[in-house]
Amino acid sequence: MDDKTFTPGPTTDSVRAADGTVLAAPEGWVLLPTGDAGLTRRVKAAGDFWVVQEKVGRRMFSRGVWAASATIERIRAELDAERATEGYAKRKEAASRRREASQAEYVEDFLGAVVTFLAFDPGHADLADRLAHAVTEHATPVGSGTVARTKRIPVEQRAEAAVIAWMRHRTTAYDSMPIPRVKGKRREVRRMLARRSQELLQRYRRGEPVGDDCPLKRALAPED
């Protein structure tokens, strides 16, 4: 945590530094909430500011930026005027089209990676197609927060992890399973369920006959 990053303080107009010191917001400062990245970037570039972050579980969430009210209002007015121009609208539309094209390309690549990972025998091709599309539809939306959205690992590993995660929730009792609140126990249960999922997938890869009571078949059965 640097000297401009804090956690929420005990009151709405205070923050807490890394060493525990509580600081009151300077006079004339207000908290700019999250939600407008462009405005936040310009406010931070304009002068003094405090970033407020809060850790929830393992993730860090931004709670906004403290800065001079006059600075925020001036930049907001400048941005509003800029965003009202025809040129801005055209740039925004072009950027949106690029994002949509990039997302469509990624979805296609991810679907292919899932199909490759499944490698089902041709006799189970229909089920492989349904599973690949189900996993891709669940995992690839922007903002979904799934492993498919990370860039830290190759798409092949993302595809495998997404399939195993989908099967954990859809073909096992994981979501209703009572798991002791013991460090490492949930990870242990996930590894055990992952092994079971991999064993089930191997049956389809080998082309073995699989009955209708198969949890994967039931999870992918068309809804009435």
C-alpha atoms as a PDB file:
ATOM      1  CA  MET A   1       0.000   0.000   0.000  1.00  0.00           C
ATOM      2  CA  ASP A   2       1.559   3.322  -1.054  1.00  0.00           C
ATOM      3  CA  ASP A   3       1.132   6.719   0.620  1.00  0.00           C
ATOM      4  CA  LYS A   4      -1.935   7.504  -1.491  1.00  0.00           C
ATOM      5  CA  THR A   5      -3.805   4.234  -0.902  1.00  0.00           C
ATOM      6  CA  PHE A   6      -5.942   3.729   2.183  1.00  0.00           C
ATOM      7  CA  THR A   7      -8.698   1.557   3.580  1.00  0.00           C
ATOM      8  CA  PRO A   8     -12.040   2.968   4.812  1.00  0.00           C
ATOM      9  CA  GLY A   9     -11.835   4.730   8.155  1.00  0.00           C
ATOM     10  CA  PRO A  10     -14.198   4.414  11.127  1.00  0.00           C
ATOM     11  CA  THR A  11     -16.311   7.341   9.858  1.00  0.00           C
ATOM     12  CA  THR A  12     -17.580   8.318   6.431  1.00  0.00           C
ATOM     13  CA  ASP A  13     -15.115  11.216   6.184  1.00  0.00           C
ATOM     14  CA  SER A  14     -11.966   9.347   7.225  1.00  0.00           C
ATOM     15  CA  VAL A  15      -9.495   6.778   5.938  1.00  0.00           C
ATOM     16  CA  ARG A  16      -7.051   4.418   7.575  1.00  0.00           C
ATOM     17  CA  ALA A  17      -3.377   4.268   6.547  1.00  0.00           C
ATOM     18  CA  ALA A  18      -1.300   1.075   6.317  1.00  0.00           C
ATOM     19  CA  ASP A  19       0.127   1.670   9.808  1.00  0.00           C
ATOM     20  CA  GLY A  20      -3.377   2.013  11.269  1.00  0.00           C
ATOM     21  CA  THR A  21      -3.375   5.791  11.510  1.00  0.00           C
ATOM     22  CA  VAL A  22      -6.813   7.328  10.943  1.00  0.00           C
ATOM     23  CA  LEU A  23      -6.841  10.468   8.802  1.00  0.00           C
ATOM     24  CA  ALA A  24      -9.710  12.881   8.295  1.00  0.00           C
ATOM     25  CA  ALA A  25     -10.352  13.974   4.733  1.00  0.00           C
ATOM     26  CA  PRO A  26      -8.989  17.480   4.072  1.00  0.00           C
ATOM     27  CA  GLU A  27     -11.476  20.331   4.069  1.00  0.00           C
ATOM     28  CA  GLY A  28     -13.127  20.721   0.681  1.00  0.00           C
ATOM     29  CA  TRP A  29     -12.484  17.114  -0.337  1.00  0.00           C
ATOM     30  CA  VAL A  30     -15.235  14.671  -1.298  1.00  0.00           C
ATOM     31  CA  LEU A  31     -15.276  10.971  -2.136  1.00  0.00           C
ATOM     32  CA  LEU A  32     -15.674  10.313  -5.856  1.00  0.00           C
ATOM     33  CA  PRO A  33     -17.438   6.925  -6.124  1.00  0.00           C
ATOM     34  CA  THR A  34     -16.364   4.258  -8.580  1.00  0.00           C
ATOM     35  CA  GLY A  35     -18.217   3.893 -11.869  1.00  0.00           C
ATOM     36  CA  ASP A  36     -16.663   6.469 -14.203  1.00  0.00           C
ATOM     37  CA  ALA A  37     -13.137   5.320 -15.024  1.00  0.00           C
ATOM     38  CA  GLY A  38     -12.438   8.278 -17.308  1.00  0.00           C
ATOM     39  CA  LEU A  39     -13.353  10.799 -14.645  1.00  0.00           C
ATOM     40  CA  THR A  40     -11.364   8.950 -11.995  1.00  0.00           C
ATOM     41  CA  ARG A  41      -8.246   8.817 -14.178  1.00  0.00           C
ATOM     42  CA  ARG A  42      -8.341  12.545 -14.882  1.00  0.00           C
ATOM     43  CA  VAL A  43      -8.962  13.457 -11.251  1.00  0.00           C
ATOM     44  CA  LYS A  44      -5.957  11.362 -10.194  1.00  0.00           C
ATOM     45  CA  ALA A  45      -3.812  13.031 -12.856  1.00  0.00           C
ATOM     46  CA  ALA A  46      -4.903  16.522 -11.780  1.00  0.00           C
ATOM     47  CA  GLY A  47      -3.355  16.678  -8.316  1.00  0.00           C
ATOM     48  CA  ASP A  48      -3.569  15.303  -4.790  1.00  0.00           C
ATOM     49  CA  PHE A  49      -5.904  12.399  -4.133  1.00  0.00           C
ATOM     50  CA  TRP A  50      -6.448   9.402  -1.872  1.00  0.00           C
ATOM     51  CA  VAL A  51      -7.466   6.003  -3.212  1.00  0.00           C
ATOM     52  CA  VAL A  52      -9.718   3.977  -0.928  1.00  0.00           C
ATOM     53  CA  GLN A  53      -9.647   0.183  -1.233  1.00  0.00           C
ATOM     54  CA  GLU A  54     -11.183  -2.550   0.875  1.00  0.00           C
ATOM     55  CA  LYS A  55     -10.310  -6.243   0.944  1.00  0.00           C
ATOM     56  CA  VAL A  56     -13.277  -8.592   0.935  1.00  0.00           C
ATOM     57  CA  GLY A  57     -12.231 -12.200   1.155  1.00  0.00           C
ATOM     58  CA  ARG A  58      -9.287 -12.572  -1.193  1.00  0.00           C
ATOM     59  CA  ARG A  59     -10.259  -9.721  -3.493  1.00  0.00           C
ATOM     60  CA  MET A  60      -9.527  -6.019  -3.244  1.00  0.00           C
ATOM     61  CA  PHE A  61     -12.336  -3.633  -4.164  1.00  0.00           C
ATOM     62  CA  SER A  62     -12.070   0.066  -4.919  1.00  0.00           C
ATOM     63  CA  ARG A  63     -14.332   2.264  -2.808  1.00  0.00           C
ATOM     64  CA  GLY A  64     -13.560   5.481  -4.666  1.00  0.00           C
ATOM     65  CA  VAL A  65     -11.128   8.389  -4.691  1.00  0.00           C
ATOM     66  CA  TRP A  66     -10.955  11.333  -2.313  1.00  0.00           C
ATOM     67  CA  ALA A  67     -10.009  14.616  -3.988  1.00  0.00           C
ATOM     68  CA  ALA A  68     -10.850  18.309  -3.927  1.00  0.00           C
ATOM     69  CA  SER A  69     -14.506  18.890  -4.752  1.00  0.00           C
ATOM     70  CA  ALA A  70     -13.613  21.827  -7.019  1.00  0.00           C
ATOM     71  CA  THR A  71     -11.215  19.641  -9.025  1.00  0.00           C
ATOM     72  CA  ILE A  72     -13.780  16.877  -9.447  1.00  0.00           C
ATOM     73  CA  GLU A  73     -16.529  19.274 -10.550  1.00  0.00           C
ATOM     74  CA  ARG A  74     -14.248  21.076 -13.009  1.00  0.00           C
ATOM     75  CA  ILE A  75     -13.118  17.844 -14.637  1.00  0.00           C
ATOM     76  CA  ARG A  76     -16.638  16.440 -14.665  1.00  0.00           C
ATOM     77  CA  ALA A  77     -17.866  19.543 -16.540  1.00  0.00           C
ATOM     78  CA  GLU A  78     -14.999  19.236 -19.040  1.00  0.00           C
ATOM     79  CA  LEU A  79     -15.782  15.560 -19.597  1.00  0.00           C
ATOM     80  CA  ASP A  80     -19.500  16.191 -20.002  1.00  0.00           C
ATOM     81  CA  ALA A  81     -18.771  18.778 -22.691  1.00  0.00           C
ATOM     82  CA  GLU A  82     -16.344  16.441 -24.459  1.00  0.00           C
ATOM     83  CA  ARG A  83     -18.740  13.511 -24.326  1.00  0.00           C
ATOM     84  CA  ALA A  84     -21.503  15.603 -25.859  1.00  0.00           C
ATOM     85  CA  THR A  85     -19.590  16.063 -29.127  1.00  0.00           C
ATOM     86  CA  GLU A  86     -20.273  14.031 -32.260  1.00  0.00           C
ATOM     87  CA  GLY A  87     -16.623  13.005 -32.472  1.00  0.00           C
ATOM     88  CA  TYR A  88     -16.744  11.418 -29.039  1.00  0.00           C
ATOM     89  CA  ALA A  89     -19.892   9.484 -29.928  1.00  0.00           C
ATOM     90  CA  LYS A  90     -18.235   8.124 -33.068  1.00  0.00           C
ATOM     91  CA  ARG A  91     -15.097   7.099 -31.175  1.00  0.00           C
ATOM     92  CA  LYS A  92     -17.164   5.392 -28.524  1.00  0.00           C
ATOM     93  CA  GLU A  93     -19.173   3.495 -31.119  1.00  0.00           C
ATOM     94  CA  ALA A  94     -15.990   2.384 -32.907  1.00  0.00           C
ATOM     95  CA  ALA A  95     -14.462   1.222 -29.633  1.00  0.00           C
ATOM     96  CA  SER A  96     -17.626  -0.719 -28.829  1.00  0.00           C
ATOM     97  CA  ARG A  97     -17.473  -2.486 -32.186  1.00  0.00           C
ATOM     98  CA  ARG A  98     -13.826  -3.415 -31.584  1.00  0.00           C
ATOM     99  CA  ARG A  99     -14.646  -4.840 -28.153  1.00  0.00           C
ATOM    100  CA  GLU A 100     -17.540  -6.852 -29.570  1.00  0.00           C
ATOM    101  CA  ALA A 101     -15.354  -8.244 -32.354  1.00  0.00           C
ATOM    102  CA  SER A 102     -12.599  -9.108 -29.875  1.00  0.00           C
ATOM    103  CA  GLN A 103     -15.088 -10.809 -27.561  1.00  0.00           C
ATOM    104  CA  ALA A 104     -16.604 -12.823 -30.413  1.00  0.00           C
ATOM    105  CA  GLU A 105     -13.142 -13.956 -31.495  1.00  0.00           C
ATOM    106  CA  TYR A 106     -12.247 -14.974 -27.938  1.00  0.00           C
ATOM    107  CA  VAL A 107     -15.485 -16.910 -27.478  1.00  0.00           C
ATOM    108  CA  GLU A 108     -14.743 -18.833 -30.673  1.00  0.00           C
ATOM    109  CA  ASP A 109     -11.159 -19.560 -29.585  1.00  0.00           C
ATOM    110  CA  PHE A 110     -12.297 -20.624 -26.118  1.00  0.00           C
ATOM    111  CA  LEU A 111     -14.976 -22.921 -27.510  1.00  0.00           C
ATOM    112  CA  GLY A 112     -12.361 -24.575 -29.712  1.00  0.00           C
ATOM    113  CA  ALA A 113     -10.052 -25.024 -26.720  1.00  0.00           C
ATOM    114  CA  VAL A 114     -12.854 -26.678 -24.744  1.00  0.00           C
ATOM    115  CA  VAL A 115     -13.649 -29.073 -27.590  1.00  0.00           C
ATOM    116  CA  THR A 116      -9.957 -29.952 -27.874  1.00  0.00           C
ATOM    117  CA  PHE A 117      -9.704 -30.587 -24.132  1.00  0.00           C
ATOM    118  CA  LEU A 118     -12.805 -32.802 -24.120  1.00  0.00           C
ATOM    119  CA  ALA A 119     -11.567 -34.942 -27.026  1.00  0.00           C
ATOM    120  CA  PHE A 120     -14.650 -37.152 -26.826  1.00  0.00           C
ATOM    121  CA  ASP A 121     -14.961 -40.231 -28.998  1.00  0.00           C
ATOM    122  CA  PRO A 122     -16.978 -39.493 -32.181  1.00  0.00           C
ATOM    123  CA  GLY A 123     -19.799 -41.574 -30.755  1.00  0.00           C
ATOM    124  CA  HIS A 124     -20.271 -38.902 -28.083  1.00  0.00           C
ATOM    125  CA  ALA A 125     -19.795 -35.920 -30.414  1.00  0.00           C
ATOM    126  CA  ASP A 126     -23.269 -34.507 -29.747  1.00  0.00           C
ATOM    127  CA  LEU A 127     -22.737 -34.473 -25.988  1.00  0.00           C
ATOM    128  CA  ALA A 128     -19.285 -32.917 -26.441  1.00  0.00           C
ATOM    129  CA  ASP A 129     -20.813 -30.132 -28.517  1.00  0.00           C
ATOM    130  CA  ARG A 130     -23.515 -29.444 -25.939  1.00  0.00           C
ATOM    131  CA  LEU A 131     -21.030 -29.479 -23.066  1.00  0.00           C
ATOM    132  CA  ALA A 132     -18.578 -27.204 -24.884  1.00  0.00           C
ATOM    133  CA  HIS A 133     -21.277 -24.653 -25.656  1.00  0.00           C
ATOM    134  CA  ALA A 134     -22.689 -24.809 -22.106  1.00  0.00           C
ATOM    135  CA  VAL A 135     -19.271 -24.205 -20.540  1.00  0.00           C
ATOM    136  CA  THR A 136     -18.402 -21.449 -23.002  1.00  0.00           C
ATOM    137  CA  GLU A 137     -21.712 -19.659 -22.541  1.00  0.00           C
ATOM    138  CA  HIS A 138     -21.247 -19.703 -18.777  1.00  0.00           C
ATOM    139  CA  ALA A 139     -17.562 -18.845 -18.608  1.00  0.00           C
ATOM    140  CA  THR A 140     -16.823 -16.267 -21.297  1.00  0.00           C
ATOM    141  CA  PRO A 141     -19.131 -13.261 -20.689  1.00  0.00           C
ATOM    142  CA  VAL A 142     -17.158 -10.087 -19.935  1.00  0.00           C
ATOM    143  CA  GLY A 143     -17.224  -9.401 -16.221  1.00  0.00           C
ATOM    144  CA  SER A 144     -18.203 -12.943 -15.278  1.00  0.00           C
ATOM    145  CA  GLY A 145     -15.133 -13.273 -13.075  1.00  0.00           C
ATOM    146  CA  THR A 146     -14.581 -16.890 -14.144  1.00  0.00           C
ATOM    147  CA  VAL A 147     -11.257 -18.521 -14.898  1.00  0.00           C
ATOM    148  CA  ALA A 148     -11.993 -18.065 -18.608  1.00  0.00           C
ATOM    149  CA  ARG A 149     -11.513 -14.301 -18.205  1.00  0.00           C
ATOM    150  CA  THR A 150      -8.016 -14.489 -16.708  1.00  0.00           C
ATOM    151  CA  LYS A 151      -4.949 -13.875 -18.850  1.00  0.00           C
ATOM    152  CA  ARG A 152      -2.514 -15.371 -16.363  1.00  0.00           C
ATOM    153  CA  ILE A 153      -2.691 -18.867 -17.887  1.00  0.00           C
ATOM    154  CA  PRO A 154      -2.952 -20.133 -21.492  1.00  0.00           C
ATOM    155  CA  VAL A 155      -6.408 -20.549 -23.011  1.00  0.00           C
ATOM    156  CA  GLU A 156      -5.946 -24.337 -22.995  1.00  0.00           C
ATOM    157  CA  GLN A 157      -5.598 -24.323 -19.212  1.00  0.00           C
ATOM    158  CA  ARG A 158      -8.507 -21.914 -18.882  1.00  0.00           C
ATOM    159  CA  ALA A 159     -10.673 -24.287 -20.917  1.00  0.00           C
ATOM    160  CA  GLU A 160      -9.784 -27.274 -18.734  1.00  0.00           C
ATOM    161  CA  ALA A 161     -10.357 -25.341 -15.510  1.00  0.00           C
ATOM    162  CA  ALA A 162     -13.697 -24.000 -16.784  1.00  0.00           C
ATOM    163  CA  VAL A 163     -14.937 -27.480 -17.704  1.00  0.00           C
ATOM    164  CA  ILE A 164     -13.984 -28.886 -14.300  1.00  0.00           C
ATOM    165  CA  ALA A 165     -15.586 -25.921 -12.505  1.00  0.00           C
ATOM    166  CA  TRP A 166     -18.793 -26.280 -14.545  1.00  0.00           C
ATOM    167  CA  MET A 167     -18.951 -30.008 -13.786  1.00  0.00           C
ATOM    168  CA  ARG A 168     -18.294 -29.390 -10.100  1.00  0.00           C
ATOM    169  CA  HIS A 169     -21.384 -27.224  -9.859  1.00  0.00           C
ATOM    170  CA  ARG A 170     -23.602 -29.091 -12.308  1.00  0.00           C
ATOM    171  CA  THR A 171     -22.742 -32.778 -11.906  1.00  0.00           C
ATOM    172  CA  THR A 172     -21.802 -33.082  -8.220  1.00  0.00           C
ATOM    173  CA  ALA A 173     -23.365 -32.177  -4.883  1.00  0.00           C
ATOM    174  CA  TYR A 174     -20.653 -29.587  -4.213  1.00  0.00           C
ATOM    175  CA  ASP A 175     -23.019 -26.612  -3.826  1.00  0.00           C
ATOM    176  CA  SER A 176     -25.014 -28.331  -1.073  1.00  0.00           C
ATOM    177  CA  MET A 177     -22.137 -30.289   0.440  1.00  0.00           C
ATOM    178  CA  PRO A 178     -21.369 -29.496   4.093  1.00  0.00           C
ATOM    179  CA  ILE A 179     -17.650 -28.690   4.172  1.00  0.00           C
ATOM    180  CA  PRO A 180     -15.916 -28.179   7.543  1.00  0.00           C
ATOM    181  CA  ARG A 181     -14.463 -24.718   8.040  1.00  0.00           C
ATOM    182  CA  VAL A 182     -10.945 -26.090   8.178  1.00  0.00           C
ATOM    183  CA  LYS A 183      -8.095 -24.490   6.260  1.00  0.00           C
ATOM    184  CA  GLY A 184      -7.474 -26.386   3.039  1.00  0.00           C
ATOM    185  CA  LYS A 185     -10.585 -28.584   3.349  1.00  0.00           C
ATOM    186  CA  ARG A 186     -12.534 -26.882   0.544  1.00  0.00           C
ATOM    187  CA  ARG A 187      -9.491 -27.146  -1.734  1.00  0.00           C
ATOM    188  CA  GLU A 188      -9.215 -30.837  -0.852  1.00  0.00           C
ATOM    189  CA  VAL A 189     -12.882 -31.430  -1.694  1.00  0.00           C
ATOM    190  CA  ARG A 190     -12.475 -29.619  -5.013  1.00  0.00           C
ATOM    191  CA  ARG A 191      -9.478 -31.763  -5.927  1.00  0.00           C
ATOM    192  CA  MET A 192     -11.415 -34.918  -5.107  1.00  0.00           C
ATOM    193  CA  LEU A 193     -14.381 -33.825  -7.234  1.00  0.00           C
ATOM    194  CA  ALA A 194     -12.035 -32.796 -10.045  1.00  0.00           C
ATOM    195  CA  ARG A 195     -10.578 -36.314 -10.116  1.00  0.00           C
ATOM    196  CA  ARG A 196     -14.086 -37.754 -10.373  1.00  0.00           C
ATOM    197  CA  SER A 197     -14.929 -35.375 -13.204  1.00  0.00           C
ATOM    198  CA  GLN A 198     -11.756 -36.309 -15.051  1.00  0.00           C
ATOM    199  CA  GLU A 199     -12.577 -40.006 -14.646  1.00  0.00           C
ATOM    200  CA  LEU A 200     -16.047 -39.399 -16.090  1.00  0.00           C
ATOM    201  CA  LEU A 201     -14.625 -37.475 -19.031  1.00  0.00           C
ATOM    202  CA  GLN A 202     -12.222 -40.338 -19.733  1.00  0.00           C
ATOM    203  CA  ARG A 203     -15.152 -42.688 -20.243  1.00  0.00           C
ATOM    204  CA  TYR A 204     -16.467 -40.441 -22.998  1.00  0.00           C
ATOM    205  CA  ARG A 205     -13.005 -40.133 -24.519  1.00  0.00           C
ATOM    206  CA  ARG A 206     -12.705 -43.909 -24.668  1.00  0.00           C
ATOM    207  CA  GLY A 207     -16.100 -44.163 -26.311  1.00  0.00           C
ATOM    208  CA  GLU A 208     -17.588 -46.299 -23.570  1.00  0.00           C
ATOM    209  CA  PRO A 209     -21.385 -46.622 -23.447  1.00  0.00           C
ATOM    210  CA  VAL A 210     -22.773 -44.348 -20.755  1.00  0.00           C
ATOM    211  CA  GLY A 211     -26.268 -44.764 -19.329  1.00  0.00           C
ATOM    212  CA  ASP A 212     -28.902 -42.043 -19.072  1.00  0.00           C
ATOM    213  CA  ASP A 213     -28.314 -41.883 -15.322  1.00  0.00           C
ATOM    214  CA  CYS A 214     -24.905 -40.298 -15.985  1.00  0.00           C
ATOM    215  CA  PRO A 215     -24.779 -36.959 -14.098  1.00  0.00           C
ATOM    216  CA  LEU A 216     -23.247 -35.250 -17.133  1.00  0.00           C
ATOM    217  CA  LYS A 217     -26.019 -36.467 -19.407  1.00  0.00           C
ATOM    218  CA  ARG A 218     -28.622 -35.343 -16.886  1.00  0.00           C
ATOM    219  CA  ALA A 219     -27.023 -31.902 -16.560  1.00  0.00           C
ATOM    220  CA  LEU A 220     -27.065 -31.430 -20.348  1.00  0.00           C
ATOM    221  CA  ALA A 221     -30.497 -32.933 -20.967  1.00  0.00           C
ATOM    222  CA  PRO A 222     -32.808 -30.578 -22.920  1.00  0.00           C
ATOM    223  CA  GLU A 223     -35.342 -28.834 -20.688  1.00  0.00           C
ATOM    224  CA  ASP A 224     -38.975 -29.781 -21.200  1.00  0.00           C
END
